[in-house]
Amino acid sequence: MSFNERSPVERRKNERVKVNIKARWEGVLEQKEGTIVDLSIGGCFILTAHLVEMGELIRLEMENSLVIWGEVIYQIEEMGFALKFTAAMGEEALQLGKLIQEQKKRDRAGK
């Protein structure tokens, strides 16, 4: 789906924070890099010009070594795509929560 065809419907259930985290993602056929710009406990948006498929499972590795799996829920051509995390449990969920809280603290300190 391209952005011109239909804007994504707001389905967020978790609070998101703005971030700037370098990441490497791996789909079915390739590995690419991008930047996570929006993050929550349930998903993220990755800036990248590379295309993915709706429903594709993505392995995401953040610059802080956190590895998490997600499913592509929408894509904006030549801009990026959104992931819904599929298996954030245990240690992954704790690390993700800590990362989000650290970003919130930075945001508050910067205001």
PDB file of N, CA and C in Angstrom:
ATOM      1  N   MET A   1       0.847  -1.169   0.000  1.00  0.00           N
ATOM      2  CA  MET A   1       0.000   0.000   0.000  1.00  0.00           C
ATOM      3  C   MET A   1       0.889   1.227   0.000  1.00  0.00           C
ATOM      4  N   SER A   2       0.632   2.164  -0.859  1.00  0.00           N
ATOM      5  CA  SER A   2       1.379   3.408  -0.851  1.00  0.00           C
ATOM      6  C   SER A   2       0.615   4.442  -0.046  1.00  0.00           C
ATOM      7  N   PHE A   3       1.312   5.474   0.386  1.00  0.00           N
ATOM      8  CA  PHE A   3       0.707   6.523   1.191  1.00  0.00           C
ATOM      9  C   PHE A   3      -0.393   7.232   0.405  1.00  0.00           C
ATOM     10  N   ASN A   4      -0.204   7.397  -0.895  1.00  0.00           N
ATOM     11  CA  ASN A   4      -1.193   8.087  -1.713  1.00  0.00           C
ATOM     12  C   ASN A   4      -2.491   7.304  -1.833  1.00  0.00           C
ATOM     13  N   GLU A   5      -2.417   5.993  -1.750  1.00  0.00           N
ATOM     14  CA  GLU A   5      -3.614   5.172  -1.883  1.00  0.00           C
ATOM     15  C   GLU A   5      -4.512   5.288  -0.660  1.00  0.00           C
ATOM     16  N   ARG A   6      -3.897   5.217   0.517  1.00  0.00           N
ATOM     17  CA  ARG A   6      -4.672   5.264   1.742  1.00  0.00           C
ATOM     18  C   ARG A   6      -3.747   5.550   2.911  1.00  0.00           C
ATOM     19  N   SER A   7      -4.105   6.496   3.726  1.00  0.00           N
ATOM     20  CA  SER A   7      -3.311   6.793   4.907  1.00  0.00           C
ATOM     21  C   SER A   7      -3.498   5.682   5.929  1.00  0.00           C
ATOM     22  N   PRO A   8      -2.447   5.362   6.684  1.00  0.00           N
ATOM     23  CA  PRO A   8      -2.570   4.323   7.704  1.00  0.00           C
ATOM     24  C   PRO A   8      -3.586   4.724   8.770  1.00  0.00           C
ATOM     25  N   VAL A   9      -4.350   3.773   9.234  1.00  0.00           N
ATOM     26  CA  VAL A   9      -5.332   4.005  10.279  1.00  0.00           C
ATOM     27  C   VAL A   9      -4.618   3.940  11.621  1.00  0.00           C
ATOM     28  N   GLU A  10      -4.924   4.863  12.492  1.00  0.00           N
ATOM     29  CA  GLU A  10      -4.317   4.880  13.818  1.00  0.00           C
ATOM     30  C   GLU A  10      -4.831   3.700  14.633  1.00  0.00           C
ATOM     31  N   ARG A  11      -3.940   2.752  14.939  1.00  0.00           N
ATOM     32  CA  ARG A  11      -4.326   1.564  15.695  1.00  0.00           C
ATOM     33  C   ARG A  11      -3.437   1.381  16.918  1.00  0.00           C
ATOM     34  N   ARG A  12      -2.680   2.385  17.247  1.00  0.00           N
ATOM     35  CA  ARG A  12      -1.737   2.250  18.351  1.00  0.00           C
ATOM     36  C   ARG A  12      -2.452   2.061  19.675  1.00  0.00           C
ATOM     37  N   LYS A  13      -1.953   1.120  20.427  1.00  0.00           N
ATOM     38  CA  LYS A  13      -2.505   0.848  21.747  1.00  0.00           C
ATOM     39  C   LYS A  13      -1.502   1.247  22.819  1.00  0.00           C
ATOM     40  N   ASN A  14      -0.251   1.426  22.425  1.00  0.00           N
ATOM     41  CA  ASN A  14       0.817   1.737  23.361  1.00  0.00           C
ATOM     42  C   ASN A  14       1.378   3.128  23.084  1.00  0.00           C
ATOM     43  N   GLU A  15       1.769   3.796  24.139  1.00  0.00           N
ATOM     44  CA  GLU A  15       2.382   5.117  23.994  1.00  0.00           C
ATOM     45  C   GLU A  15       3.692   4.985  23.218  1.00  0.00           C
ATOM     46  N   ARG A  16       3.905   5.891  22.287  1.00  0.00           N
ATOM     47  CA  ARG A  16       5.129   5.873  21.483  1.00  0.00           C
ATOM     48  C   ARG A  16       6.011   7.044  21.835  1.00  0.00           C
ATOM     49  N   VAL A  17       7.295   6.849  21.645  1.00  0.00           N
ATOM     50  CA  VAL A  17       8.266   7.921  21.852  1.00  0.00           C
ATOM     51  C   VAL A  17       9.060   8.106  20.563  1.00  0.00           C
ATOM     52  N   LYS A  18       9.465   9.343  20.331  1.00  0.00           N
ATOM     53  CA  LYS A  18      10.321   9.646  19.186  1.00  0.00           C
ATOM     54  C   LYS A  18      11.738   9.245  19.554  1.00  0.00           C
ATOM     55  N   VAL A  19      12.405   8.543  18.657  1.00  0.00           N
ATOM     56  CA  VAL A  19      13.773   8.081  18.886  1.00  0.00           C
ATOM     57  C   VAL A  19      14.579   8.280  17.607  1.00  0.00           C
ATOM     58  N   ASN A  20      15.850   8.026  17.690  1.00  0.00           N
ATOM     59  CA  ASN A  20      16.735   8.045  16.523  1.00  0.00           C
ATOM     60  C   ASN A  20      17.740   6.909  16.741  1.00  0.00           C
ATOM     61  N   ILE A  21      17.303   5.696  16.433  1.00  0.00           N
ATOM     62  CA  ILE A  21      18.097   4.499  16.716  1.00  0.00           C
ATOM     63  C   ILE A  21      18.455   3.807  15.405  1.00  0.00           C
ATOM     64  N   LYS A  22      19.738   3.667  15.159  1.00  0.00           N
ATOM     65  CA  LYS A  22      20.179   2.924  13.979  1.00  0.00           C
ATOM     66  C   LYS A  22      19.814   1.464  14.169  1.00  0.00           C
ATOM     67  N   ALA A  23      19.369   0.850  13.084  1.00  0.00           N
ATOM     68  CA  ALA A  23      18.948  -0.547  13.170  1.00  0.00           C
ATOM     69  C   ALA A  23      19.281  -1.277  11.878  1.00  0.00           C
ATOM     70  N   ARG A  24      19.386  -2.569  12.013  1.00  0.00           N
ATOM     71  CA  ARG A  24      19.578  -3.463  10.864  1.00  0.00           C
ATOM     72  C   ARG A  24      18.373  -4.387  10.859  1.00  0.00           C
ATOM     73  N   TRP A  25      17.754  -4.538   9.708  1.00  0.00           N
ATOM     74  CA  TRP A  25      16.605  -5.427   9.632  1.00  0.00           C
ATOM     75  C   TRP A  25      16.827  -6.472   8.558  1.00  0.00           C
ATOM     76  N   GLU A  26      16.229  -7.613   8.817  1.00  0.00           N
ATOM     77  CA  GLU A  26      16.397  -8.757   7.923  1.00  0.00           C
ATOM     78  C   GLU A  26      15.021  -9.311   7.587  1.00  0.00           C
ATOM     79  N   GLY A  27      14.718  -9.323   6.292  1.00  0.00           N
ATOM     80  CA  GLY A  27      13.466  -9.902   5.816  1.00  0.00           C
ATOM     81  C   GLY A  27      13.718 -11.267   5.222  1.00  0.00           C
ATOM     82  N   VAL A  28      12.831 -11.696   4.368  1.00  0.00           N
ATOM     83  CA  VAL A  28      12.936 -13.016   3.753  1.00  0.00           C
ATOM     84  C   VAL A  28      14.150 -13.117   2.841  1.00  0.00           C
ATOM     85  N   LEU A  29      14.394 -12.082   2.047  1.00  0.00           N
ATOM     86  CA  LEU A  29      15.431 -12.172   1.024  1.00  0.00           C
ATOM     87  C   LEU A  29      16.649 -11.293   1.238  1.00  0.00           C
ATOM     88  N   GLU A  30      16.594 -10.328   2.149  1.00  0.00           N
ATOM     89  CA  GLU A  30      17.716  -9.416   2.255  1.00  0.00           C
ATOM     90  C   GLU A  30      17.874  -8.818   3.636  1.00  0.00           C
ATOM     91  N   GLN A  31      19.050  -8.229   3.854  1.00  0.00           N
ATOM     92  CA  GLN A  31      19.349  -7.506   5.077  1.00  0.00           C
ATOM     93  C   GLN A  31      19.614  -6.058   4.697  1.00  0.00           C
ATOM     94  N   LYS A  32      19.017  -5.141   5.423  1.00  0.00           N
ATOM     95  CA  LYS A  32      19.173  -3.724   5.138  1.00  0.00           C
ATOM     96  C   LYS A  32      19.313  -2.956   6.439  1.00  0.00           C
ATOM     97  N   GLU A  33      19.627  -1.673   6.299  1.00  0.00           N
ATOM     98  CA  GLU A  33      19.737  -0.810   7.470  1.00  0.00           C
ATOM     99  C   GLU A  33      18.710   0.297   7.387  1.00  0.00           C
ATOM    100  N   GLY A  34      18.364   0.843   8.537  1.00  0.00           N
ATOM    101  CA  GLY A  34      17.418   1.935   8.610  1.00  0.00           C
ATOM    102  C   GLY A  34      17.543   2.624   9.948  1.00  0.00           C
ATOM    103  N   THR A  35      16.621   3.528  10.212  1.00  0.00           N
ATOM    104  CA  THR A  35      16.608   4.270  11.465  1.00  0.00           C
ATOM    105  C   THR A  35      15.217   4.173  12.081  1.00  0.00           C
ATOM    106  N   ILE A  36      15.164   3.714  13.312  1.00  0.00           N
ATOM    107  CA  ILE A  36      13.898   3.674  14.042  1.00  0.00           C
ATOM    108  C   ILE A  36      13.636   5.091  14.531  1.00  0.00           C
ATOM    109  N   VAL A  37      12.454   5.624  14.203  1.00  0.00           N
ATOM    110  CA  VAL A  37      12.139   7.002  14.582  1.00  0.00           C
ATOM    111  C   VAL A  37      10.948   7.092  15.536  1.00  0.00           C
ATOM    112  N   ASP A  38      10.243   6.005  15.735  1.00  0.00           N
ATOM    113  CA  ASP A  38       9.035   5.972  16.545  1.00  0.00           C
ATOM    114  C   ASP A  38       9.001   4.593  17.185  1.00  0.00           C
ATOM    115  N   LEU A  39       8.910   4.530  18.523  1.00  0.00           N
ATOM    116  CA  LEU A  39       9.049   3.249  19.213  1.00  0.00           C
ATOM    117  C   LEU A  39       8.059   3.133  20.361  1.00  0.00           C
ATOM    118  N   SER A  40       7.480   1.953  20.498  1.00  0.00           N
ATOM    119  CA  SER A  40       6.645   1.623  21.656  1.00  0.00           C
ATOM    120  C   SER A  40       6.916   0.180  22.027  1.00  0.00           C
ATOM    121  N   ILE A  41       6.295  -0.259  23.097  1.00  0.00           N
ATOM    122  CA  ILE A  41       6.449  -1.645  23.528  1.00  0.00           C
ATOM    123  C   ILE A  41       5.828  -2.599  22.512  1.00  0.00           C
ATOM    124  N   GLY A  42       4.918  -2.083  21.671  1.00  0.00           N
ATOM    125  CA  GLY A  42       4.222  -2.939  20.715  1.00  0.00           C
ATOM    126  C   GLY A  42       4.697  -2.857  19.283  1.00  0.00           C
ATOM    127  N   GLY A  43       5.564  -1.867  18.957  1.00  0.00           N
ATOM    128  CA  GLY A  43       6.001  -1.747  17.580  1.00  0.00           C
ATOM    129  C   GLY A  43       6.861  -0.527  17.336  1.00  0.00           C
ATOM    130  N   CYS A  44       7.151  -0.275  16.059  1.00  0.00           N
ATOM    131  CA  CYS A  44       8.008   0.853  15.708  1.00  0.00           C
ATOM    132  C   CYS A  44       7.807   1.235  14.248  1.00  0.00           C
ATOM    133  N   PHE A  45       8.378   2.386  13.872  1.00  0.00           N
ATOM    134  CA  PHE A  45       8.431   2.795  12.469  1.00  0.00           C
ATOM    135  C   PHE A  45       9.895   2.950  12.105  1.00  0.00           C
ATOM    136  N   ILE A  46      10.279   2.363  10.955  1.00  0.00           N
ATOM    137  CA  ILE A  46      11.669   2.368  10.502  1.00  0.00           C
ATOM    138  C   ILE A  46      11.774   3.165   9.210  1.00  0.00           C
ATOM    139  N   LEU A  47      12.624   4.189   9.215  1.00  0.00           N
ATOM    140  CA  LEU A  47      12.898   4.933   7.996  1.00  0.00           C
ATOM    141  C   LEU A  47      13.867   4.137   7.139  1.00  0.00           C
ATOM    142  N   THR A  48      13.467   3.849   5.909  1.00  0.00           N
ATOM    143  CA  THR A  48      14.309   3.143   4.951  1.00  0.00           C
ATOM    144  C   THR A  48      13.649   3.248   3.584  1.00  0.00           C
ATOM    145  N   ALA A  49      14.447   3.320   2.547  1.00  0.00           N
ATOM    146  CA  ALA A  49      13.905   3.384   1.188  1.00  0.00           C
ATOM    147  C   ALA A  49      13.629   1.990   0.627  1.00  0.00           C
ATOM    148  N   HIS A  50      14.035   0.963   1.344  1.00  0.00           N
ATOM    149  CA  HIS A  50      13.903  -0.409   0.859  1.00  0.00           C
ATOM    150  C   HIS A  50      12.486  -0.932   1.080  1.00  0.00           C
ATOM    151  N   LEU A  51      12.002  -1.714   0.125  1.00  0.00           N
ATOM    152  CA  LEU A  51      10.644  -2.231   0.175  1.00  0.00           C
ATOM    153  C   LEU A  51      10.546  -3.532   0.958  1.00  0.00           C
ATOM    154  N   VAL A  52       9.408  -3.710   1.590  1.00  0.00           N
ATOM    155  CA  VAL A  52       9.074  -4.941   2.296  1.00  0.00           C
ATOM    156  C   VAL A  52       7.669  -5.343   1.846  1.00  0.00           C
ATOM    157  N   GLU A  53       7.227  -6.497   2.270  1.00  0.00           N
ATOM    158  CA  GLU A  53       5.890  -6.983   1.925  1.00  0.00           C
ATOM    159  C   GLU A  53       4.987  -6.879   3.148  1.00  0.00           C
ATOM    160  N   MET A  54       3.726  -6.550   2.926  1.00  0.00           N
ATOM    161  CA  MET A  54       2.749  -6.558   4.016  1.00  0.00           C
ATOM    162  C   MET A  54       2.716  -7.947   4.638  1.00  0.00           C
ATOM    163  N   GLY A  55       2.735  -8.008   5.954  1.00  0.00           N
ATOM    164  CA  GLY A  55       2.694  -9.280   6.655  1.00  0.00           C
ATOM    165  C   GLY A  55       4.040  -9.979   6.764  1.00  0.00           C
ATOM    166  N   GLU A  56       5.069  -9.432   6.130  1.00  0.00           N
ATOM    167  CA  GLU A  56       6.396 -10.048   6.170  1.00  0.00           C
ATOM    168  C   GLU A  56       6.943 -10.034   7.599  1.00  0.00           C
ATOM    169  N   LEU A  57       7.572 -11.132   7.999  1.00  0.00           N
ATOM    170  CA  LEU A  57       8.228 -11.189   9.298  1.00  0.00           C
ATOM    171  C   LEU A  57       9.622 -10.610   9.166  1.00  0.00           C
ATOM    172  N   ILE A  58       9.961  -9.721  10.086  1.00  0.00           N
ATOM    173  CA  ILE A  58      11.229  -8.998  10.057  1.00  0.00           C
ATOM    174  C   ILE A  58      11.971  -9.233  11.363  1.00  0.00           C
ATOM    175  N   ARG A  59      13.249  -9.525  11.242  1.00  0.00           N
ATOM    176  CA  ARG A  59      14.128  -9.609  12.410  1.00  0.00           C
ATOM    177  C   ARG A  59      14.821  -8.258  12.510  1.00  0.00           C
ATOM    178  N   LEU A  60      14.640  -7.577  13.623  1.00  0.00           N
ATOM    179  CA  LEU A  60      15.159  -6.227  13.809  1.00  0.00           C
ATOM    180  C   LEU A  60      16.238  -6.231  14.882  1.00  0.00           C
ATOM    181  N   GLU A  61      17.405  -5.709  14.536  1.00  0.00           N
ATOM    182  CA  GLU A  61      18.503  -5.600  15.499  1.00  0.00           C
ATOM    183  C   GLU A  61      18.826  -4.124  15.682  1.00  0.00           C
ATOM    184  N   MET A  62      18.629  -3.642  16.910  1.00  0.00           N
ATOM    185  CA  MET A  62      18.879  -2.238  17.214  1.00  0.00           C
ATOM    186  C   MET A  62      20.347  -2.045  17.567  1.00  0.00           C
ATOM    187  N   GLU A  63      20.817  -0.803  17.472  1.00  0.00           N
ATOM    188  CA  GLU A  63      22.223  -0.501  17.738  1.00  0.00           C
ATOM    189  C   GLU A  63      22.655  -0.870  19.154  1.00  0.00           C
ATOM    190  N   ASN A  64      21.706  -0.988  20.078  1.00  0.00           N
ATOM    191  CA  ASN A  64      22.042  -1.380  21.451  1.00  0.00           C
ATOM    192  C   ASN A  64      22.029  -2.895  21.635  1.00  0.00           C
ATOM    193  N   SER A  65      22.038  -3.643  20.526  1.00  0.00           N
ATOM    194  CA  SER A  65      22.087  -5.110  20.505  1.00  0.00           C
ATOM    195  C   SER A  65      20.771  -5.800  20.829  1.00  0.00           C
ATOM    196  N   LEU A  66      19.701  -5.046  21.015  1.00  0.00           N
ATOM    197  CA  LEU A  66      18.401  -5.662  21.237  1.00  0.00           C
ATOM    198  C   LEU A  66      17.901  -6.225  19.909  1.00  0.00           C
ATOM    199  N   VAL A  67      17.522  -7.495  19.913  1.00  0.00           N
ATOM    200  CA  VAL A  67      16.986  -8.156  18.717  1.00  0.00           C
ATOM    201  C   VAL A  67      15.537  -8.523  19.001  1.00  0.00           C
ATOM    202  N   ILE A  68      14.664  -8.161  18.066  1.00  0.00           N
ATOM    203  CA  ILE A  68      13.235  -8.404  18.253  1.00  0.00           C
ATOM    204  C   ILE A  68      12.605  -8.711  16.899  1.00  0.00           C
ATOM    205  N   TRP A  69      11.543  -9.496  16.894  1.00  0.00           N
ATOM    206  CA  TRP A  69      10.839  -9.861  15.666  1.00  0.00           C
ATOM    207  C   TRP A  69       9.557  -9.059  15.553  1.00  0.00           C
ATOM    208  N   GLY A  70       9.191  -8.740  14.323  1.00  0.00           N
ATOM    209  CA  GLY A  70       7.953  -8.012  14.098  1.00  0.00           C
ATOM    210  C   GLY A  70       7.352  -8.345  12.744  1.00  0.00           C
ATOM    211  N   GLU A  71       6.110  -7.939  12.576  1.00  0.00           N
ATOM    212  CA  GLU A  71       5.380  -8.144  11.325  1.00  0.00           C
ATOM    213  C   GLU A  71       5.105  -6.781  10.698  1.00  0.00           C
ATOM    214  N   VAL A  72       5.346  -6.666   9.396  1.00  0.00           N
ATOM    215  CA  VAL A  72       5.077  -5.419   8.682  1.00  0.00           C
ATOM    216  C   VAL A  72       3.571  -5.197   8.643  1.00  0.00           C
ATOM    217  N   ILE A  73       3.128  -4.032   9.163  1.00  0.00           N
ATOM    218  CA  ILE A  73       1.688  -3.742   9.159  1.00  0.00           C
ATOM    219  C   ILE A  73       1.317  -2.658   8.156  1.00  0.00           C
ATOM    220  N   TYR A  74       2.268  -1.807   7.766  1.00  0.00           N
ATOM    221  CA  TYR A  74       2.063  -0.909   6.638  1.00  0.00           C
ATOM    222  C   TYR A  74       3.394  -0.348   6.184  1.00  0.00           C
ATOM    223  N   GLN A  75       3.365   0.197   4.976  1.00  0.00           N
ATOM    224  CA  GLN A  75       4.576   0.734   4.368  1.00  0.00           C
ATOM    225  C   GLN A  75       4.243   2.029   3.642  1.00  0.00           C
ATOM    226  N   ILE A  76       5.145   2.982   3.706  1.00  0.00           N
ATOM    227  CA  ILE A  76       5.032   4.206   2.926  1.00  0.00           C
ATOM    228  C   ILE A  76       6.220   4.176   1.968  1.00  0.00           C
ATOM    229  N   GLU A  77       5.945   4.035   0.679  1.00  0.00           N
ATOM    230  CA  GLU A  77       7.004   3.867  -0.314  1.00  0.00           C
ATOM    231  C   GLU A  77       8.049   4.964  -0.213  1.00  0.00           C
ATOM    232  N   GLU A  78       9.306   4.557  -0.326  1.00  0.00           N
ATOM    233  CA  GLU A  78      10.478   5.418  -0.290  1.00  0.00           C
ATOM    234  C   GLU A  78      10.613   6.196   1.017  1.00  0.00           C
ATOM    235  N   MET A  79       9.885   5.772   2.044  1.00  0.00           N
ATOM    236  CA  MET A  79      10.005   6.411   3.349  1.00  0.00           C
ATOM    237  C   MET A  79      10.317   5.402   4.441  1.00  0.00           C
ATOM    238  N   GLY A  80       9.520   4.326   4.504  1.00  0.00           N
ATOM    239  CA  GLY A  80       9.757   3.345   5.539  1.00  0.00           C
ATOM    240  C   GLY A  80       8.555   2.452   5.783  1.00  0.00           C
ATOM    241  N   PHE A  81       8.597   1.737   6.913  1.00  0.00           N
ATOM    242  CA  PHE A  81       7.514   0.810   7.232  1.00  0.00           C
ATOM    243  C   PHE A  81       7.330   0.686   8.737  1.00  0.00           C
ATOM    244  N   ALA A  82       6.143   0.226   9.104  1.00  0.00           N
ATOM    245  CA  ALA A  82       5.804   0.016  10.512  1.00  0.00           C
ATOM    246  C   ALA A  82       5.812  -1.468  10.826  1.00  0.00           C
ATOM    247  N   LEU A  83       6.338  -1.774  12.001  1.00  0.00           N
ATOM    248  CA  LEU A  83       6.350  -3.146  12.505  1.00  0.00           C
ATOM    249  C   LEU A  83       5.494  -3.250  13.750  1.00  0.00           C
ATOM    250  N   LYS A  84       4.776  -4.345  13.845  1.00  0.00           N
ATOM    251  CA  LYS A  84       4.107  -4.724  15.085  1.00  0.00           C
ATOM    252  C   LYS A  84       4.951  -5.850  15.661  1.00  0.00           C
ATOM    253  N   PHE A  85       5.484  -5.637  16.859  1.00  0.00           N
ATOM    254  CA  PHE A  85       6.329  -6.664  17.452  1.00  0.00           C
ATOM    255  C   PHE A  85       5.510  -7.911  17.748  1.00  0.00           C
ATOM    256  N   THR A  86       6.092  -9.073  17.433  1.00  0.00           N
ATOM    257  CA  THR A  86       5.357 -10.329  17.576  1.00  0.00           C
ATOM    258  C   THR A  86       5.810 -11.170  18.761  1.00  0.00           C
ATOM    259  N   ALA A  87       6.993 -10.920  19.271  1.00  0.00           N
ATOM    260  CA  ALA A  87       7.493 -11.818  20.318  1.00  0.00           C
ATOM    261  C   ALA A  87       8.294 -11.091  21.386  1.00  0.00           C
ATOM    262  N   ALA A  88       7.852  -9.907  21.786  1.00  0.00           N
ATOM    263  CA  ALA A  88       8.569  -9.174  22.836  1.00  0.00           C
ATOM    264  C   ALA A  88       8.145  -9.726  24.194  1.00  0.00           C
ATOM    265  N   MET A  89       8.944 -10.666  24.706  1.00  0.00           N
ATOM    266  CA  MET A  89       8.639 -11.284  25.986  1.00  0.00           C
ATOM    267  C   MET A  89       9.918 -11.353  26.811  1.00  0.00           C
ATOM    268  N   GLY A  90       9.775 -11.547  28.077  1.00  0.00           N
ATOM    269  CA  GLY A  90      10.908 -11.763  28.959  1.00  0.00           C
ATOM    270  C   GLY A  90      11.936 -10.653  28.879  1.00  0.00           C
ATOM    271  N   GLU A  91      13.171 -11.033  28.651  1.00  0.00           N
ATOM    272  CA  GLU A  91      14.294 -10.086  28.628  1.00  0.00           C
ATOM    273  C   GLU A  91      14.134  -9.044  27.520  1.00  0.00           C
ATOM    274  N   GLU A  92      13.633  -9.450  26.359  1.00  0.00           N
ATOM    275  CA  GLU A  92      13.419  -8.491  25.261  1.00  0.00           C
ATOM    276  C   GLU A  92      12.470  -7.387  25.692  1.00  0.00           C
ATOM    277  N   ALA A  93      11.353  -7.757  26.315  1.00  0.00           N
ATOM    278  CA  ALA A  93      10.362  -6.780  26.747  1.00  0.00           C
ATOM    279  C   ALA A  93      10.946  -5.850  27.806  1.00  0.00           C
ATOM    280  N   LEU A  94      11.745  -6.384  28.712  1.00  0.00           N
ATOM    281  CA  LEU A  94      12.380  -5.559  29.742  1.00  0.00           C
ATOM    282  C   LEU A  94      13.349  -4.550  29.118  1.00  0.00           C
ATOM    283  N   GLN A  95      14.172  -5.010  28.184  1.00  0.00           N
ATOM    284  CA  GLN A  95      15.124  -4.112  27.520  1.00  0.00           C
ATOM    285  C   GLN A  95      14.402  -3.041  26.722  1.00  0.00           C
ATOM    286  N   LEU A  96      13.344  -3.424  26.037  1.00  0.00           N
ATOM    287  CA  LEU A  96      12.562  -2.483  25.245  1.00  0.00           C
ATOM    288  C   LEU A  96      11.908  -1.439  26.156  1.00  0.00           C
ATOM    289  N   GLY A  97      11.319  -1.878  27.238  1.00  0.00           N
ATOM    290  CA  GLY A  97      10.713  -0.953  28.206  1.00  0.00           C
ATOM    291  C   GLY A  97      11.725   0.011  28.787  1.00  0.00           C
ATOM    292  N   LYS A  98      12.907  -0.489  29.094  1.00  0.00           N
ATOM    293  CA  LYS A  98      13.976   0.358  29.638  1.00  0.00           C
ATOM    294  C   LYS A  98      14.405   1.401  28.609  1.00  0.00           C
ATOM    295  N   LEU A  99      14.548   0.994  27.370  1.00  0.00           N
ATOM    296  CA  LEU A  99      14.931   1.904  26.297  1.00  0.00           C
ATOM    297  C   LEU A  99      13.893   3.017  26.138  1.00  0.00           C
ATOM    298  N   ILE A 100      12.617   2.669  26.187  1.00  0.00           N
ATOM    299  CA  ILE A 100      11.541   3.653  26.054  1.00  0.00           C
ATOM    300  C   ILE A 100      11.556   4.623  27.237  1.00  0.00           C
ATOM    301  N   GLN A 101      11.728   4.106  28.451  1.00  0.00           N
ATOM    302  CA  GLN A 101      11.766   4.973  29.629  1.00  0.00           C
ATOM    303  C   GLN A 101      12.959   5.923  29.579  1.00  0.00           C
ATOM    304  N   GLU A 102      14.112   5.443  29.128  1.00  0.00           N
ATOM    305  CA  GLU A 102      15.298   6.301  29.000  1.00  0.00           C
ATOM    306  C   GLU A 102      15.035   7.430  28.017  1.00  0.00           C
ATOM    307  N   GLN A 103      14.356   7.120  26.906  1.00  0.00           N
ATOM    308  CA  GLN A 103      14.052   8.145  25.912  1.00  0.00           C
ATOM    309  C   GLN A 103      13.072   9.175  26.473  1.00  0.00           C
ATOM    310  N   LYS A 104      12.082   8.729  27.238  1.00  0.00           N
ATOM    311  CA  LYS A 104      11.132   9.652  27.859  1.00  0.00           C
ATOM    312  C   LYS A 104      11.851  10.615  28.800  1.00  0.00           C
ATOM    313  N   LYS A 105      12.803  10.095  29.583  1.00  0.00           N
ATOM    314  CA  LYS A 105      13.576  10.941  30.499  1.00  0.00           C
ATOM    315  C   LYS A 105      14.368  11.984  29.723  1.00  0.00           C
ATOM    316  N   ARG A 106      14.991  11.559  28.613  1.00  0.00           N
ATOM    317  CA  ARG A 106      15.749  12.492  27.771  1.00  0.00           C
ATOM    318  C   ARG A 106      14.838  13.581  27.213  1.00  0.00           C
ATOM    319  N   ASP A 107      13.652  13.167  26.769  1.00  0.00           N
ATOM    320  CA  ASP A 107      12.697  14.132  26.219  1.00  0.00           C
ATOM    321  C   ASP A 107      12.293  15.164  27.263  1.00  0.00           C
ATOM    322  N   ARG A 108      12.012  14.706  28.485  1.00  0.00           N
ATOM    323  CA  ARG A 108      11.621  15.627  29.552  1.00  0.00           C
ATOM    324  C   ARG A 108      12.754  16.561  29.923  1.00  0.00           C
ATOM    325  N   ALA A 109      13.977  16.039  29.956  1.00  0.00           N
ATOM    326  CA  ALA A 109      15.143  16.859  30.315  1.00  0.00           C
ATOM    327  C   ALA A 109      15.433  17.900  29.240  1.00  0.00           C
ATOM    328  N   GLY A 110      15.094  17.586  27.987  1.00  0.00           N
ATOM    329  CA  GLY A 110      15.357  18.494  26.891  1.00  0.00           C
ATOM    330  C   GLY A 110      14.341  19.590  26.736  1.00  0.00           C
ATOM    331  N   LYS A 111      13.233  19.507  27.441  1.00  0.00           N
ATOM    332  CA  LYS A 111      12.155  20.506  27.298  1.00  0.00           C
ATOM    333  C   LYS A 111      12.328  21.642  28.267  1.00  0.00           C
TER     334      LYS A 111
END
